[in-house]
């Protein structure tokens, strides 16, 4: 029994030459696993960067739409004037500030005149519905240009209702 154990021990200690290729296989498996992990990490990080970019341009579009509403309201209700007419509202606006560059805003105004309202002294009010839609892009890319391949836009639409004071 003891002799058999010794023979097995000698065979085990003499066989490292048979196991020399295993280290290469283990290294290749580790390298492939790390490569797959690295590629997955790159995909996650690039997706997060793209999402941040879209969120940034979405905030720009929101601010442009908000600015469109505010300018529409100041045109609809001018200071020191009783004139209130949707025809006074500019329907298209382009801003010249750097933050809102490449943002186009379209404003619509709908008026509902002489609606019954018990809180008003005259018994009627006028209601004005303004809607501002802003579209922002990272660059100016005219239709048909080569930049259209990677071109995208963000759009936000805001609305407000205003009524005449009683």
Foldseek 3Di string as FASTA:
>chain_A
DVVVVVVVVVVVVPPVVVVPCVVVVVVVVVVVVVVVVVVVVVVVVVVVVVVVVLVLQQVLQVVVQVVLVVQQVCQQPPPPDPHGDQVSRDQKDQDDDPSNHQKIKGKHKDKDFFPADPVDPVRGKMKMKMKMKMKHWPDDDDPPDPCVVVTDIHMDMDMDMDMDDD
